[in-house]
Amino acid sequence: MVRRFVAAAVLAAWVAASAACAAPAPASGPGTAGTSTAPQAPWTPPQPELYGLDTADAPATVVVLVPGGGWASADPTGLVPLAEWLAARGAVVATTTYRTAAEQAYFPTPAQDVACAMARTVALVRDAGVEVGEVVLVGHSAGAQLAALVGLTGTTFADGCPDDAVAADRVVGLAGPYDVVAAAGIATNLFGPDLPDPADWAPGDPTAFADERPDLPVLLVHGESDSTVPVSSSTAFARQLEDGGHDVSTAYLSGVDHGSVYGADVAGPIIAEWLGLTS
């Protein structure tokens, strides 16, 4: 409990400082990263790609897909089949991206980018005249870690977004490395050279916020054949969320690995059933 209180306090100060220190950005982009090695030039994020806008149920479930890539890349292309699958069942689905270590962008920038992409997606759907129902963050791998972090912390990371802040109504994690300390070396891609000590990573660790927003339902999906992120990452996080008061659903899939868990034929039916989408 003490760790979580400290993490929340540090996170609030960190995000506020990041917004205050960011270089002036155009109206369409969020602020820059909070570390000295982050790029100082304004960044205009690409528009989310929307699927199902013309065929959505009313009110529309809005699903925002967040790609993985070890916090070193964030290519949403592989999530397009899942987006199309969910859109065919009545959702409006967006594929998004965020800055990573490849652009020397470190925490909290990736989380801020995800929060701003969610806000932008909801704004675009409303601008199209579609009534918005539940807003759902779905992430794979590193994207699942970011989705969980943004979801559990409400609108904390949306400070500085050009659109009205949105808090996720549900979160889906697909094979996420939620405990960033347990993720070890690869998590340095998220925290960068200015934060080499895992003792300083709590503000970016979803497990430190497992008792926040206990009314937020969470679905965790993981392949039992995953050799990249062990299934224990999800089982441990599920227990922490349940201890924090969350309604947690889980699916541990035999024969599914890290690269197949986000496939439309694998994740699609599980997510659709959990969201109550039509088949």
Protein backbone atom coordinates (compact mmCIF):
# COMPACT_ATOMS: atom_id res chain seq x y z
CA MET A 1 0.00 0.00 0.00
CA VAL A 2 2.84 2.41 0.86
CA ARG A 3 4.52 1.67 -2.48
CA ARG A 4 1.30 2.40 -4.34
CA PHE A 5 0.74 5.66 -2.46
CA VAL A 6 4.27 6.80 -3.22
CA ALA A 7 3.95 5.73 -6.86
CA ALA A 8 0.73 7.73 -7.26
CA ALA A 9 2.23 10.83 -5.67
CA VAL A 10 5.39 10.63 -7.76
CA LEU A 11 3.40 9.97 -10.92
CA ALA A 12 1.21 13.04 -10.43
CA ALA A 13 4.25 15.25 -9.91
CA TRP A 14 6.10 13.65 -12.82
CA VAL A 15 3.29 14.05 -15.34
CA ALA A 16 2.69 17.64 -14.23
CA ALA A 17 6.38 18.43 -14.64
CA SER A 18 6.44 16.74 -18.03
CA ALA A 19 3.52 18.87 -19.24
CA ALA A 20 5.08 22.04 -17.84
CA CYS A 21 8.48 21.39 -19.39
CA ALA A 22 7.27 20.23 -22.78
CA ALA A 23 8.20 22.32 -25.77
CA PRO A 24 5.26 24.23 -27.28
CA ALA A 25 3.35 21.81 -29.46
CA PRO A 26 0.87 22.36 -32.26
CA ALA A 27 -2.80 21.92 -31.42
CA SER A 28 -2.82 18.38 -32.78
CA GLY A 29 -0.06 16.86 -30.63
CA PRO A 30 0.70 16.05 -27.01
CA GLY A 31 3.68 17.35 -25.08
CA THR A 32 7.17 15.88 -25.22
CA ALA A 33 8.75 13.36 -22.92
CA GLY A 34 9.66 13.97 -19.31
CA THR A 35 13.32 12.95 -19.50
CA SER A 36 16.23 15.07 -20.65
CA THR A 37 17.09 12.62 -23.44
CA ALA A 38 13.62 12.82 -24.99
CA PRO A 39 13.13 14.69 -28.26
CA GLN A 40 12.26 18.34 -27.71
CA ALA A 41 10.65 18.95 -31.09
CA PRO A 42 6.83 19.01 -31.19
CA TRP A 43 5.29 15.75 -32.31
CA THR A 44 2.14 15.48 -34.34
CA PRO A 45 0.70 12.00 -33.83
CA PRO A 46 -0.84 10.21 -36.77
CA GLN A 47 -4.61 10.11 -36.80
CA PRO A 48 -6.05 6.84 -35.47
CA GLU A 49 -7.27 4.56 -38.22
CA LEU A 50 -10.98 3.96 -37.62
CA TYR A 51 -12.91 0.82 -38.52
CA GLY A 52 -16.67 0.30 -38.34
CA LEU A 53 -17.61 3.97 -38.07
CA ASP A 54 -20.46 3.59 -40.57
CA THR A 55 -21.78 0.28 -39.25
CA ALA A 56 -21.48 0.64 -35.47
CA ASP A 57 -24.20 -0.13 -33.02
CA ALA A 58 -25.69 2.80 -31.09
CA PRO A 59 -24.34 3.67 -28.65
CA ALA A 60 -21.06 2.43 -30.06
CA THR A 61 -18.48 0.50 -28.08
CA VAL A 62 -15.22 2.26 -28.95
CA VAL A 63 -12.16 0.01 -28.89
CA VAL A 64 -8.67 1.49 -29.02
CA LEU A 65 -5.95 -1.00 -30.00
CA VAL A 66 -2.42 -0.37 -28.68
CA PRO A 67 0.42 -2.32 -30.34
CA GLY A 68 3.41 -3.93 -28.70
CA GLY A 69 7.04 -3.83 -29.70
CA GLY A 70 9.10 -3.98 -26.54
CA TRP A 71 8.74 -0.20 -26.04
CA ALA A 72 11.15 0.14 -28.97
CA SER A 73 8.57 0.13 -31.77
CA ALA A 74 4.81 0.51 -32.02
CA ASP A 75 3.61 -0.60 -35.43
CA PRO A 76 -0.18 -1.09 -35.38
CA THR A 77 -0.32 -2.93 -38.73
CA GLY A 78 -0.54 -6.37 -37.13
CA LEU A 79 -3.67 -5.35 -35.21
CA VAL A 80 -5.68 -4.47 -38.34
CA PRO A 81 -7.29 -7.95 -38.69
CA LEU A 82 -8.46 -7.78 -35.07
CA ALA A 83 -9.79 -4.26 -35.67
CA GLU A 84 -11.74 -5.42 -38.71
CA TRP A 85 -13.07 -8.47 -36.84
CA LEU A 86 -14.38 -6.42 -33.92
CA ALA A 87 -15.77 -3.72 -36.23
CA ALA A 88 -17.77 -6.36 -38.09
CA ARG A 89 -19.49 -7.08 -34.78
CA GLY A 90 -20.70 -3.57 -34.10
CA ALA A 91 -17.75 -1.78 -32.47
CA VAL A 92 -15.89 1.29 -33.66
CA VAL A 93 -12.23 0.29 -33.53
CA ALA A 94 -9.11 2.43 -33.77
CA THR A 95 -5.53 1.35 -34.37
CA THR A 96 -3.02 3.71 -32.79
CA THR A 97 0.68 4.19 -32.19
CA TYR A 98 2.93 5.99 -29.72
CA ARG A 99 6.52 7.16 -29.43
CA THR A 100 9.16 4.72 -28.24
CA ALA A 101 12.85 4.37 -27.49
CA ALA A 102 13.47 4.42 -31.25
CA GLU A 103 12.60 8.15 -31.09
CA GLN A 104 14.40 8.53 -27.73
CA ALA A 105 10.99 8.93 -26.12
CA TYR A 106 10.75 7.47 -22.65
CA PHE A 107 8.27 7.31 -19.80
CA PRO A 108 5.87 9.06 -19.36
CA THR A 109 5.72 9.94 -23.08
CA PRO A 110 4.43 6.57 -24.38
CA ALA A 111 1.63 6.53 -21.79
CA GLN A 112 0.74 10.14 -22.59
CA ASP A 113 0.59 9.28 -26.28
CA VAL A 114 -1.78 6.38 -25.59
CA ALA A 115 -4.02 8.59 -23.45
CA CYS A 116 -4.09 11.26 -26.15
CA ALA A 117 -4.80 8.69 -28.87
CA MET A 118 -7.77 7.44 -26.86
CA ALA A 119 -9.07 10.98 -26.43
CA ARG A 120 -8.58 11.72 -30.12
CA THR A 121 -10.42 8.53 -31.12
CA VAL A 122 -13.44 9.43 -28.99
CA ALA A 123 -13.43 12.97 -30.40
CA LEU A 124 -13.37 11.67 -33.98
CA VAL A 125 -16.23 9.26 -33.31
CA ARG A 126 -18.34 12.01 -31.77
CA ASP A 127 -17.47 14.41 -34.61
CA ALA A 128 -18.84 11.78 -37.00
CA GLY A 129 -22.18 11.95 -35.19
CA VAL A 130 -21.88 8.53 -33.56
CA GLU A 131 -22.98 8.18 -29.95
CA VAL A 132 -20.14 6.84 -27.79
CA GLY A 133 -20.83 4.03 -25.34
CA GLU A 134 -18.06 2.25 -23.44
CA VAL A 135 -14.45 3.10 -24.28
CA VAL A 136 -12.15 0.09 -24.17
CA LEU A 137 -8.34 0.06 -24.23
CA VAL A 138 -6.88 -3.14 -25.71
CA GLY A 139 -3.13 -3.62 -25.75
CA HIS A 140 -0.73 -6.35 -26.79
CA SER A 141 2.59 -6.98 -25.02
CA ALA A 142 4.19 -3.59 -24.24
CA GLY A 143 0.93 -2.06 -25.43
CA ALA A 144 -0.91 -4.10 -22.80
CA GLN A 145 1.37 -2.68 -20.10
CA LEU A 146 0.61 0.85 -21.33
CA ALA A 147 -3.12 0.16 -21.66
CA ALA A 148 -3.24 -1.17 -18.10
CA LEU A 149 -1.28 1.79 -16.76
CA VAL A 150 -3.42 4.39 -18.55
CA GLY A 151 -6.63 2.59 -17.67
CA LEU A 152 -5.85 2.24 -13.97
CA THR A 153 -4.76 5.87 -13.59
CA GLY A 154 -7.85 7.44 -15.16
CA THR A 155 -7.07 10.70 -16.94
CA THR A 156 -3.68 11.29 -15.30
CA PHE A 157 -1.72 10.88 -18.52
CA ALA A 158 -4.17 12.96 -20.59
CA ASP A 159 -2.89 16.26 -19.23
CA GLY A 160 -1.87 18.31 -22.25
CA CYS A 161 -3.88 16.34 -24.83
CA PRO A 162 -5.59 18.56 -27.42
CA ASP A 163 -8.89 16.69 -26.98
CA ASP A 164 -11.07 16.30 -23.90
CA ALA A 165 -9.61 13.71 -21.54
CA VAL A 166 -11.21 10.26 -21.52
CA ALA A 167 -10.95 7.57 -18.87
CA ALA A 168 -11.22 4.00 -20.16
CA ASP A 169 -14.32 2.07 -19.12
CA ARG A 170 -12.63 -1.31 -19.61
CA VAL A 171 -9.13 -2.64 -20.26
CA VAL A 172 -8.00 -5.74 -22.14
CA GLY A 173 -4.43 -6.96 -21.84
CA LEU A 174 -3.01 -9.47 -24.32
CA ALA A 175 0.22 -11.07 -23.05
CA GLY A 176 1.40 -7.99 -21.18
CA PRO A 177 4.60 -7.60 -19.13
CA TYR A 178 2.76 -5.76 -16.38
CA ASP A 179 5.42 -5.93 -13.68
CA VAL A 180 8.09 -3.80 -15.31
CA VAL A 181 10.72 -4.74 -12.73
CA ALA A 182 10.17 -8.42 -13.55
CA ALA A 183 10.50 -7.52 -17.25
CA ALA A 184 14.10 -6.58 -16.40
CA GLY A 185 16.40 -5.41 -19.17
CA ILE A 186 13.85 -4.80 -21.91
CA ALA A 187 11.96 -2.32 -19.72
CA THR A 188 14.91 0.05 -20.02
CA ASN A 189 13.41 0.82 -23.43
CA LEU A 190 10.48 2.34 -21.55
CA PHE A 191 12.37 4.21 -18.86
CA GLY A 192 15.49 5.19 -20.78
CA PRO A 193 19.04 6.01 -19.75
CA ASP A 194 18.00 8.62 -17.19
CA LEU A 195 16.19 5.99 -15.08
CA PRO A 196 18.40 2.90 -15.08
CA ASP A 197 17.40 1.84 -11.56
CA PRO A 198 14.23 -0.31 -11.37
CA ALA A 199 13.65 1.13 -7.90
CA ASP A 200 12.53 4.32 -9.68
CA TRP A 201 10.06 2.62 -12.02
CA ALA A 202 6.97 2.44 -9.80
CA PRO A 203 5.19 5.42 -11.46
CA GLY A 204 5.20 3.46 -14.74
CA ASP A 205 4.32 0.09 -13.21
CA PRO A 206 0.65 -0.98 -13.53
CA THR A 207 1.04 -3.36 -10.60
CA ALA A 208 1.64 -0.33 -8.35
CA PHE A 209 -1.85 0.91 -9.23
CA ALA A 210 -3.75 -2.38 -9.01
CA ASP A 211 -6.08 -0.99 -6.33
CA GLU A 212 -6.90 2.20 -8.26
CA ARG A 213 -10.26 2.57 -10.03
CA PRO A 214 -11.68 -0.70 -8.63
CA ASP A 215 -14.80 -0.22 -10.77
CA LEU A 216 -12.68 -0.78 -13.91
CA PRO A 217 -13.26 -4.28 -15.34
CA VAL A 218 -10.18 -5.98 -16.77
CA LEU A 219 -9.76 -8.90 -19.16
CA LEU A 220 -6.36 -10.61 -19.32
CA VAL A 221 -5.58 -13.03 -22.16
CA HIS A 222 -2.32 -14.96 -22.39
CA GLY A 223 -1.02 -17.90 -24.39
CA GLU A 224 0.35 -20.78 -22.37
CA SER A 225 3.03 -21.33 -25.04
CA ASP A 226 4.33 -17.76 -24.77
CA SER A 227 8.13 -17.85 -24.45
CA THR A 228 8.51 -14.06 -24.71
CA VAL A 229 6.35 -12.95 -21.80
CA PRO A 230 5.55 -15.78 -19.37
CA VAL A 231 1.93 -16.47 -18.56
CA SER A 232 2.81 -15.84 -14.91
CA SER A 233 2.85 -12.13 -15.76
CA SER A 234 -0.91 -12.25 -16.30
CA THR A 235 -1.74 -14.67 -13.51
CA ALA A 236 0.13 -12.53 -10.97
CA PHE A 237 -1.44 -9.31 -12.24
CA ALA A 238 -4.91 -10.87 -12.13
CA ARG A 239 -4.43 -11.70 -8.45
CA GLN A 240 -3.25 -8.16 -7.69
CA LEU A 241 -6.21 -6.64 -9.50
CA GLU A 242 -8.65 -8.93 -7.70
CA ASP A 243 -7.07 -7.97 -4.38
CA GLY A 244 -7.59 -4.34 -5.43
CA GLY A 245 -11.33 -4.91 -5.93
CA HIS A 246 -11.45 -5.24 -9.72
CA ASP A 247 -13.75 -7.52 -11.68
CA VAL A 248 -11.13 -9.59 -13.53
CA SER A 249 -11.74 -12.08 -16.33
CA THR A 250 -8.93 -14.29 -17.62
CA ALA A 251 -8.28 -16.59 -20.54
CA TYR A 252 -5.13 -18.73 -20.63
CA LEU A 253 -4.92 -20.39 -23.99
CA SER A 254 -3.29 -23.73 -24.74
CA GLY A 255 -1.02 -23.77 -27.79
CA VAL A 256 -1.06 -19.98 -28.21
CA ASP A 257 2.20 -18.02 -28.21
CA HIS A 258 3.16 -14.35 -28.02
CA GLY A 259 2.74 -13.70 -31.72
CA SER A 260 -0.61 -15.42 -32.14
CA VAL A 261 -2.50 -14.22 -29.07
CA TYR A 262 -3.63 -11.01 -30.77
CA GLY A 263 -4.88 -12.78 -33.89
CA ALA A 264 -8.45 -12.01 -34.87
CA ASP A 265 -9.43 -15.68 -34.62
CA VAL A 266 -7.83 -16.01 -31.17
CA ALA A 267 -8.47 -12.76 -29.30
CA GLY A 268 -11.50 -11.64 -31.30
CA PRO A 269 -14.13 -14.06 -29.95
CA ILE A 270 -12.89 -13.68 -26.36
CA ILE A 271 -12.99 -9.88 -26.46
CA ALA A 272 -16.32 -9.78 -28.31
CA GLU A 273 -17.98 -12.08 -25.78
CA TRP A 274 -16.61 -10.07 -22.84
CA LEU A 275 -17.87 -6.82 -24.38
CA GLY A 276 -21.21 -8.27 -25.40
CA LEU A 277 -20.69 -7.56 -29.08
CA THR A 278 -22.95 -9.26 -31.59
CA SER A 279 -21.55 -12.20 -33.55
